[in-house]
Amino acid sequence: MNENIFVYALSVFCIILIFTIFRKKKINGIMHLIIFFFYTLPLYYLMFFKGAGGAAFTWYFYLFIITIVHIISLAFIIFRTYKKTS
């Protein structure tokens, strides 16, 4: 089993949460989508193409941690948004 599957799953889950925000507040969704691509594209590039000598694990770890922090912040925003509307 490929070890990168966890980062892929987290990225997909983060995008799903971003589109959940996008339904309620479009400008916040666009902002989070730009932030998401701002950190994932360089880290995926470094992980796949500049990961020689064990450096890929470093980029994997950074991507994993930053994505989890982003997911937690998105969950907090979604909770706060839906709590205000109900």
PDB file of N, CA and C in Angstrom:
ATOM      1  N   MET A   1       0.840  -1.173   0.000  1.00  0.00           N
ATOM      2  CA  MET A   1       0.000   0.000   0.000  1.00  0.00           C
ATOM      3  C   MET A   1       0.890   1.242   0.000  1.00  0.00           C
ATOM      4  N   ASN A   2       0.506   2.187  -0.785  1.00  0.00           N
ATOM      5  CA  ASN A   2       1.271   3.419  -0.915  1.00  0.00           C
ATOM      6  C   ASN A   2       1.099   4.270   0.341  1.00  0.00           C
ATOM      7  N   GLU A   3       2.213   4.764   0.880  1.00  0.00           N
ATOM      8  CA  GLU A   3       2.143   5.558   2.111  1.00  0.00           C
ATOM      9  C   GLU A   3       1.598   6.964   1.872  1.00  0.00           C
ATOM     10  N   ASN A   4       1.548   7.395   0.631  1.00  0.00           N
ATOM     11  CA  ASN A   4       1.044   8.733   0.329  1.00  0.00           C
ATOM     12  C   ASN A   4      -0.479   8.802   0.330  1.00  0.00           C
ATOM     13  N   ILE A   5      -1.148   7.679   0.478  1.00  0.00           N
ATOM     14  CA  ILE A   5      -2.608   7.648   0.412  1.00  0.00           C
ATOM     15  C   ILE A   5      -3.235   8.468   1.531  1.00  0.00           C
ATOM     16  N   PHE A   6      -2.564   8.549   2.685  1.00  0.00           N
ATOM     17  CA  PHE A   6      -3.103   9.328   3.802  1.00  0.00           C
ATOM     18  C   PHE A   6      -3.117  10.815   3.487  1.00  0.00           C
ATOM     19  N   VAL A   7      -2.069  11.303   2.860  1.00  0.00           N
ATOM     20  CA  VAL A   7      -2.007  12.716   2.497  1.00  0.00           C
ATOM     21  C   VAL A   7      -3.014  13.012   1.392  1.00  0.00           C
ATOM     22  N   TYR A   8      -3.176  12.095   0.455  1.00  0.00           N
ATOM     23  CA  TYR A   8      -4.175  12.279  -0.605  1.00  0.00           C
ATOM     24  C   TYR A   8      -5.577  12.362   0.001  1.00  0.00           C
ATOM     25  N   ALA A   9      -5.879  11.459   0.925  1.00  0.00           N
ATOM     26  CA  ALA A   9      -7.202  11.448   1.555  1.00  0.00           C
ATOM     27  C   ALA A   9      -7.445  12.728   2.349  1.00  0.00           C
ATOM     28  N   LEU A  10      -6.430  13.187   3.073  1.00  0.00           N
ATOM     29  CA  LEU A  10      -6.576  14.436   3.811  1.00  0.00           C
ATOM     30  C   LEU A  10      -6.799  15.618   2.877  1.00  0.00           C
ATOM     31  N   SER A  11      -6.102  15.628   1.754  1.00  0.00           N
ATOM     32  CA  SER A  11      -6.270  16.716   0.794  1.00  0.00           C
ATOM     33  C   SER A  11      -7.676  16.723   0.202  1.00  0.00           C
ATOM     34  N   VAL A  12      -8.190  15.558  -0.127  1.00  0.00           N
ATOM     35  CA  VAL A  12      -9.545  15.468  -0.674  1.00  0.00           C
ATOM     36  C   VAL A  12     -10.566  15.896   0.378  1.00  0.00           C
ATOM     37  N   PHE A  13     -10.365  15.459   1.622  1.00  0.00           N
ATOM     38  CA  PHE A  13     -11.268  15.854   2.696  1.00  0.00           C
ATOM     39  C   PHE A  13     -11.223  17.363   2.926  1.00  0.00           C
ATOM     40  N   CYS A  14     -10.050  17.951   2.835  1.00  0.00           N
ATOM     41  CA  CYS A  14      -9.908  19.398   2.990  1.00  0.00           C
ATOM     42  C   CYS A  14     -10.640  20.138   1.866  1.00  0.00           C
ATOM     43  N   ILE A  15     -10.537  19.651   0.651  1.00  0.00           N
ATOM     44  CA  ILE A  15     -11.241  20.280  -0.465  1.00  0.00           C
ATOM     45  C   ILE A  15     -12.754  20.163  -0.294  1.00  0.00           C
ATOM     46  N   ILE A  16     -13.221  19.031   0.219  1.00  0.00           N
ATOM     47  CA  ILE A  16     -14.655  18.876   0.480  1.00  0.00           C
ATOM     48  C   ILE A  16     -15.120  19.893   1.517  1.00  0.00           C
ATOM     49  N   LEU A  17     -14.337  20.079   2.563  1.00  0.00           N
ATOM     50  CA  LEU A  17     -14.696  21.075   3.572  1.00  0.00           C
ATOM     51  C   LEU A  17     -14.654  22.489   3.009  1.00  0.00           C
ATOM     52  N   ILE A  18     -13.710  22.759   2.139  1.00  0.00           N
ATOM     53  CA  ILE A  18     -13.632  24.084   1.517  1.00  0.00           C
ATOM     54  C   ILE A  18     -14.877  24.347   0.671  1.00  0.00           C
ATOM     55  N   PHE A  19     -15.329  23.354  -0.080  1.00  0.00           N
ATOM     56  CA  PHE A  19     -16.535  23.545  -0.881  1.00  0.00           C
ATOM     57  C   PHE A  19     -17.791  23.620  -0.019  1.00  0.00           C
ATOM     58  N   THR A  20     -17.744  23.047   1.179  1.00  0.00           N
ATOM     59  CA  THR A  20     -18.851  23.218   2.114  1.00  0.00           C
ATOM     60  C   THR A  20     -18.935  24.670   2.567  1.00  0.00           C
ATOM     61  N   ILE A  21     -17.790  25.270   2.832  1.00  0.00           N
ATOM     62  CA  ILE A  21     -17.757  26.692   3.180  1.00  0.00           C
ATOM     63  C   ILE A  21     -18.170  27.536   1.982  1.00  0.00           C
ATOM     64  N   PHE A  22     -17.762  27.133   0.804  1.00  0.00           N
ATOM     65  CA  PHE A  22     -18.046  27.887  -0.420  1.00  0.00           C
ATOM     66  C   PHE A  22     -19.546  28.031  -0.660  1.00  0.00           C
ATOM     67  N   ARG A  23     -20.335  27.038  -0.221  1.00  0.00           N
ATOM     68  CA  ARG A  23     -21.782  27.131  -0.412  1.00  0.00           C
ATOM     69  C   ARG A  23     -22.396  28.259   0.390  1.00  0.00           C
ATOM     70  N   LYS A  24     -21.870  28.528   1.595  1.00  0.00           N
ATOM     71  CA  LYS A  24     -22.427  29.574   2.455  1.00  0.00           C
ATOM     72  C   LYS A  24     -21.777  30.934   2.209  1.00  0.00           C
ATOM     73  N   LYS A  25     -20.445  30.960   2.183  1.00  0.00           N
ATOM     74  CA  LYS A  25     -19.711  32.213   2.034  1.00  0.00           C
ATOM     75  C   LYS A  25     -18.695  32.034   0.917  1.00  0.00           C
ATOM     76  N   LYS A  26     -18.997  32.591  -0.226  1.00  0.00           N
ATOM     77  CA  LYS A  26     -18.167  32.375  -1.411  1.00  0.00           C
ATOM     78  C   LYS A  26     -16.771  32.963  -1.259  1.00  0.00           C
ATOM     79  N   ILE A  27     -16.653  34.165  -0.681  1.00  0.00           N
ATOM     80  CA  ILE A  27     -15.340  34.793  -0.580  1.00  0.00           C
ATOM     81  C   ILE A  27     -14.431  34.018   0.372  1.00  0.00           C
ATOM     82  N   ASN A  28     -14.988  33.474   1.467  1.00  0.00           N
ATOM     83  CA  ASN A  28     -14.185  32.652   2.376  1.00  0.00           C
ATOM     84  C   ASN A  28     -13.754  31.349   1.714  1.00  0.00           C
ATOM     85  N   GLY A  29     -14.635  30.756   0.921  1.00  0.00           N
ATOM     86  CA  GLY A  29     -14.282  29.533   0.211  1.00  0.00           C
ATOM     87  C   GLY A  29     -13.167  29.754  -0.788  1.00  0.00           C
ATOM     88  N   ILE A  30     -13.242  30.855  -1.523  1.00  0.00           N
ATOM     89  CA  ILE A  30     -12.188  31.168  -2.493  1.00  0.00           C
ATOM     90  C   ILE A  30     -10.866  31.432  -1.777  1.00  0.00           C
ATOM     91  N   MET A  31     -10.937  32.143  -0.653  1.00  0.00           N
ATOM     92  CA  MET A  31      -9.733  32.440   0.110  1.00  0.00           C
ATOM     93  C   MET A  31      -9.078  31.151   0.624  1.00  0.00           C
ATOM     94  N   HIS A  32      -9.880  30.237   1.156  1.00  0.00           N
ATOM     95  CA  HIS A  32      -9.330  28.981   1.661  1.00  0.00           C
ATOM     96  C   HIS A  32      -8.818  28.088   0.529  1.00  0.00           C
ATOM     97  N   LEU A  33      -9.452  28.144  -0.613  1.00  0.00           N
ATOM     98  CA  LEU A  33      -8.973  27.368  -1.754  1.00  0.00           C
ATOM     99  C   LEU A  33      -7.612  27.885  -2.232  1.00  0.00           C
ATOM    100  N   ILE A  34      -7.440  29.195  -2.260  1.00  0.00           N
ATOM    101  CA  ILE A  34      -6.149  29.777  -2.642  1.00  0.00           C
ATOM    102  C   ILE A  34      -5.080  29.410  -1.624  1.00  0.00           C
ATOM    103  N   ILE A  35      -5.424  29.491  -0.337  1.00  0.00           N
ATOM    104  CA  ILE A  35      -4.464  29.107   0.709  1.00  0.00           C
ATOM    105  C   ILE A  35      -4.098  27.634   0.578  1.00  0.00           C
ATOM    106  N   PHE A  36      -5.092  26.788   0.319  1.00  0.00           N
ATOM    107  CA  PHE A  36      -4.840  25.354   0.174  1.00  0.00           C
ATOM    108  C   PHE A  36      -3.867  25.079  -0.970  1.00  0.00           C
ATOM    109  N   PHE A  37      -4.113  25.687  -2.127  1.00  0.00           N
ATOM    110  CA  PHE A  37      -3.218  25.456  -3.254  1.00  0.00           C
ATOM    111  C   PHE A  37      -1.856  26.106  -3.062  1.00  0.00           C
ATOM    112  N   PHE A  38      -1.817  27.185  -2.272  1.00  0.00           N
ATOM    113  CA  PHE A  38      -0.562  27.877  -2.016  1.00  0.00           C
ATOM    114  C   PHE A  38       0.418  26.997  -1.247  1.00  0.00           C
ATOM    115  N   TYR A  39      -0.068  26.164  -0.344  1.00  0.00           N
ATOM    116  CA  TYR A  39       0.865  25.307   0.388  1.00  0.00           C
ATOM    117  C   TYR A  39       0.939  23.878  -0.145  1.00  0.00           C
ATOM    118  N   THR A  40      -0.117  23.374  -0.800  1.00  0.00           N
ATOM    119  CA  THR A  40      -0.042  21.989  -1.251  1.00  0.00           C
ATOM    120  C   THR A  40       0.765  21.804  -2.532  1.00  0.00           C
ATOM    121  N   LEU A  41       0.598  22.702  -3.476  1.00  0.00           N
ATOM    122  CA  LEU A  41       1.308  22.514  -4.748  1.00  0.00           C
ATOM    123  C   LEU A  41       2.825  22.487  -4.573  1.00  0.00           C
ATOM    124  N   PRO A  42       3.431  23.445  -3.853  1.00  0.00           N
ATOM    125  CA  PRO A  42       4.882  23.346  -3.668  1.00  0.00           C
ATOM    126  C   PRO A  42       5.310  22.116  -2.858  1.00  0.00           C
ATOM    127  N   LEU A  43       4.534  21.755  -1.834  1.00  0.00           N
ATOM    128  CA  LEU A  43       4.928  20.609  -1.017  1.00  0.00           C
ATOM    129  C   LEU A  43       4.775  19.292  -1.773  1.00  0.00           C
ATOM    130  N   TYR A  44       3.722  19.154  -2.586  1.00  0.00           N
ATOM    131  CA  TYR A  44       3.608  17.951  -3.420  1.00  0.00           C
ATOM    132  C   TYR A  44       4.747  17.896  -4.431  1.00  0.00           C
ATOM    133  N   TYR A  45       5.079  19.030  -5.018  1.00  0.00           N
ATOM    134  CA  TYR A  45       6.191  19.058  -5.979  1.00  0.00           C
ATOM    135  C   TYR A  45       7.493  18.636  -5.299  1.00  0.00           C
ATOM    136  N   LEU A  46       7.767  19.214  -4.147  1.00  0.00           N
ATOM    137  CA  LEU A  46       9.002  18.858  -3.429  1.00  0.00           C
ATOM    138  C   LEU A  46       8.995  17.403  -2.996  1.00  0.00           C
ATOM    139  N   MET A  47       7.835  16.892  -2.600  1.00  0.00           N
ATOM    140  CA  MET A  47       7.754  15.507  -2.150  1.00  0.00           C
ATOM    141  C   MET A  47       8.021  14.528  -3.288  1.00  0.00           C
ATOM    142  N   PHE A  48       7.504  14.818  -4.474  1.00  0.00           N
ATOM    143  CA  PHE A  48       7.649  13.877  -5.578  1.00  0.00           C
ATOM    144  C   PHE A  48       8.934  14.055  -6.380  1.00  0.00           C
ATOM    145  N   PHE A  49       9.354  15.288  -6.600  1.00  0.00           N
ATOM    146  CA  PHE A  49      10.472  15.518  -7.511  1.00  0.00           C
ATOM    147  C   PHE A  49      11.772  15.911  -6.829  1.00  0.00           C
ATOM    148  N   LYS A  50      11.710  16.373  -5.589  1.00  0.00           N
ATOM    149  CA  LYS A  50      12.931  16.757  -4.875  1.00  0.00           C
ATOM    150  C   LYS A  50      13.072  15.963  -3.584  1.00  0.00           C
ATOM    151  N   GLY A  51      12.597  14.757  -3.566  1.00  0.00           N
ATOM    152  CA  GLY A  51      12.570  13.963  -2.347  1.00  0.00           C
ATOM    153  C   GLY A  51      13.668  12.930  -2.246  1.00  0.00           C
ATOM    154  N   ALA A  52      14.821  13.194  -2.789  1.00  0.00           N
ATOM    155  CA  ALA A  52      15.911  12.225  -2.748  1.00  0.00           C
ATOM    156  C   ALA A  52      16.575  12.238  -1.371  1.00  0.00           C
ATOM    157  N   GLY A  53      17.031  11.082  -0.952  1.00  0.00           N
ATOM    158  CA  GLY A  53      17.793  10.983   0.286  1.00  0.00           C
ATOM    159  C   GLY A  53      16.968  11.168   1.542  1.00  0.00           C
ATOM    160  N   GLY A  54      15.719  10.816   1.524  1.00  0.00           N
ATOM    161  CA  GLY A  54      14.880  10.923   2.702  1.00  0.00           C
ATOM    162  C   GLY A  54      14.189  12.258   2.872  1.00  0.00           C
ATOM    163  N   ALA A  55      14.409  13.186   1.966  1.00  0.00           N
ATOM    164  CA  ALA A  55      13.773  14.496   2.073  1.00  0.00           C
ATOM    165  C   ALA A  55      12.277  14.417   1.790  1.00  0.00           C
ATOM    166  N   ALA A  56      11.848  13.385   1.087  1.00  0.00           N
ATOM    167  CA  ALA A  56      10.426  13.247   0.775  1.00  0.00           C
ATOM    168  C   ALA A  56       9.606  13.091   2.048  1.00  0.00           C
ATOM    169  N   PHE A  57      10.165  12.417   3.049  1.00  0.00           N
ATOM    170  CA  PHE A  57       9.434  12.266   4.304  1.00  0.00           C
ATOM    171  C   PHE A  57       9.248  13.609   4.996  1.00  0.00           C
ATOM    172  N   THR A  58      10.230  14.487   4.883  1.00  0.00           N
ATOM    173  CA  THR A  58      10.113  15.820   5.468  1.00  0.00           C
ATOM    174  C   THR A  58       8.966  16.576   4.833  1.00  0.00           C
ATOM    175  N   TRP A  59       8.876  16.555   3.501  1.00  0.00           N
ATOM    176  CA  TRP A  59       7.792  17.261   2.806  1.00  0.00           C
ATOM    177  C   TRP A  59       6.461  16.588   3.081  1.00  0.00           C
ATOM    178  N   TYR A  60       6.465  15.265   3.184  1.00  0.00           N
ATOM    179  CA  TYR A  60       5.254  14.517   3.537  1.00  0.00           C
ATOM    180  C   TYR A  60       4.756  14.943   4.917  1.00  0.00           C
ATOM    181  N   PHE A  61       5.675  15.024   5.879  1.00  0.00           N
ATOM    182  CA  PHE A  61       5.322  15.400   7.239  1.00  0.00           C
ATOM    183  C   PHE A  61       4.774  16.822   7.289  1.00  0.00           C
ATOM    184  N   TYR A  62       5.427  17.771   6.606  1.00  0.00           N
ATOM    185  CA  TYR A  62       4.935  19.150   6.559  1.00  0.00           C
ATOM    186  C   TYR A  62       3.544  19.214   5.940  1.00  0.00           C
ATOM    187  N   LEU A  63       3.345  18.506   4.850  1.00  0.00           N
ATOM    188  CA  LEU A  63       2.047  18.496   4.183  1.00  0.00           C
ATOM    189  C   LEU A  63       0.976  17.894   5.085  1.00  0.00           C
ATOM    190  N   PHE A  64       1.311  16.830   5.771  1.00  0.00           N
ATOM    191  CA  PHE A  64       0.379  16.165   6.674  1.00  0.00           C
ATOM    192  C   PHE A  64      -0.035  17.100   7.814  1.00  0.00           C
ATOM    193  N   ILE A  65       0.923  17.727   8.460  1.00  0.00           N
ATOM    194  CA  ILE A  65       0.643  18.591   9.605  1.00  0.00           C
ATOM    195  C   ILE A  65      -0.128  19.841   9.176  1.00  0.00           C
ATOM    196  N   ILE A  66       0.296  20.500   8.119  1.00  0.00           N
ATOM    197  CA  ILE A  66      -0.373  21.723   7.681  1.00  0.00           C
ATOM    198  C   ILE A  66      -1.796  21.431   7.222  1.00  0.00           C
ATOM    199  N   THR A  67      -2.003  20.314   6.547  1.00  0.00           N
ATOM    200  CA  THR A  67      -3.353  19.953   6.103  1.00  0.00           C
ATOM    201  C   THR A  67      -4.258  19.654   7.289  1.00  0.00           C
ATOM    202  N   ILE A  68      -3.750  18.990   8.302  1.00  0.00           N
ATOM    203  CA  ILE A  68      -4.553  18.709   9.490  1.00  0.00           C
ATOM    204  C   ILE A  68      -4.925  20.013  10.200  1.00  0.00           C
ATOM    205  N   VAL A  69      -3.987  20.944  10.303  1.00  0.00           N
ATOM    206  CA  VAL A  69      -4.291  22.234  10.923  1.00  0.00           C
ATOM    207  C   VAL A  69      -5.349  22.978  10.106  1.00  0.00           C
ATOM    208  N   HIS A  70      -5.246  22.911   8.790  1.00  0.00           N
ATOM    209  CA  HIS A  70      -6.228  23.564   7.926  1.00  0.00           C
ATOM    210  C   HIS A  70      -7.603  22.920   8.084  1.00  0.00           C
ATOM    211  N   ILE A  71      -7.656  21.604   8.187  1.00  0.00           N
ATOM    212  CA  ILE A  71      -8.926  20.902   8.370  1.00  0.00           C
ATOM    213  C   ILE A  71      -9.560  21.277   9.705  1.00  0.00           C
ATOM    214  N   ILE A  72      -8.755  21.382  10.756  1.00  0.00           N
ATOM    215  CA  ILE A  72      -9.291  21.772  12.061  1.00  0.00           C
ATOM    216  C   ILE A  72      -9.853  23.187  12.002  1.00  0.00           C
ATOM    217  N   SER A  73      -9.139  24.096  11.344  1.00  0.00           N
ATOM    218  CA  SER A  73      -9.652  25.467  11.237  1.00  0.00           C
ATOM    219  C   SER A  73     -10.926  25.519  10.390  1.00  0.00           C
ATOM    220  N   LEU A  74     -10.987  24.724   9.327  1.00  0.00           N
ATOM    221  CA  LEU A  74     -12.201  24.676   8.506  1.00  0.00           C
ATOM    222  C   LEU A  74     -13.378  24.101   9.281  1.00  0.00           C
ATOM    223  N   ALA A  75     -13.138  23.073  10.072  1.00  0.00           N
ATOM    224  CA  ALA A  75     -14.208  22.485  10.879  1.00  0.00           C
ATOM    225  C   ALA A  75     -14.729  23.503  11.888  1.00  0.00           C
ATOM    226  N   PHE A  76     -13.829  24.270  12.477  1.00  0.00           N
ATOM    227  CA  PHE A  76     -14.242  25.309  13.413  1.00  0.00           C
ATOM    228  C   PHE A  76     -15.083  26.375  12.710  1.00  0.00           C
ATOM    229  N   ILE A  77     -14.672  26.789  11.520  1.00  0.00           N
ATOM    230  CA  ILE A  77     -15.416  27.798  10.764  1.00  0.00           C
ATOM    231  C   ILE A  77     -16.789  27.269  10.357  1.00  0.00           C
ATOM    232  N   ILE A  78     -16.853  26.031   9.914  1.00  0.00           N
ATOM    233  CA  ILE A  78     -18.138  25.436   9.527  1.00  0.00           C
ATOM    234  C   ILE A  78     -19.056  25.335  10.737  1.00  0.00           C
ATOM    235  N   PHE A  79     -18.519  24.899  11.866  1.00  0.00           N
ATOM    236  CA  PHE A  79     -19.321  24.801  13.079  1.00  0.00           C
ATOM    237  C   PHE A  79     -19.856  26.167  13.485  1.00  0.00           C
ATOM    238  N   ARG A  80     -19.006  27.175  13.443  1.00  0.00           N
ATOM    239  CA  ARG A  80     -19.412  28.529  13.827  1.00  0.00           C
ATOM    240  C   ARG A  80     -20.450  29.093  12.844  1.00  0.00           C
ATOM    241  N   THR A  81     -20.283  28.837  11.557  1.00  0.00           N
ATOM    242  CA  THR A  81     -21.202  29.341  10.552  1.00  0.00           C
ATOM    243  C   THR A  81     -22.587  28.700  10.686  1.00  0.00           C
ATOM    244  N   TYR A  82     -22.620  27.385  10.843  1.00  0.00           N
ATOM    245  CA  TYR A  82     -23.910  26.715  10.959  1.00  0.00           C
ATOM    246  C   TYR A  82     -24.574  26.968  12.305  1.00  0.00           C
ATOM    247  N   LYS A  83     -23.787  27.263  13.331  1.00  0.00           N
ATOM    248  CA  LYS A  83     -24.363  27.585  14.620  1.00  0.00           C
ATOM    249  C   LYS A  83     -25.058  28.942  14.582  1.00  0.00           C
ATOM    250  N   LYS A  84     -24.497  29.893  13.813  1.00  0.00           N
ATOM    251  CA  LYS A  84     -25.108  31.217  13.688  1.00  0.00           C
ATOM    252  C   LYS A  84     -26.402  31.156  12.884  1.00  0.00           C
ATOM    253  N   THR A  85     -26.456  30.304  11.867  1.00  0.00           N
ATOM    254  CA  THR A  85     -27.623  30.272  10.999  1.00  0.00           C
ATOM    255  C   THR A  85     -28.797  29.500  11.612  1.00  0.00           C
ATOM    256  N   SER A  86     -28.515  28.633  12.573  1.00  0.00           N
ATOM    257  CA  SER A  86     -29.629  27.846  13.151  1.00  0.00           C
ATOM    258  C   SER A  86     -30.107  28.390  14.468  1.00  0.00           C
TER     259      SER A  86
END
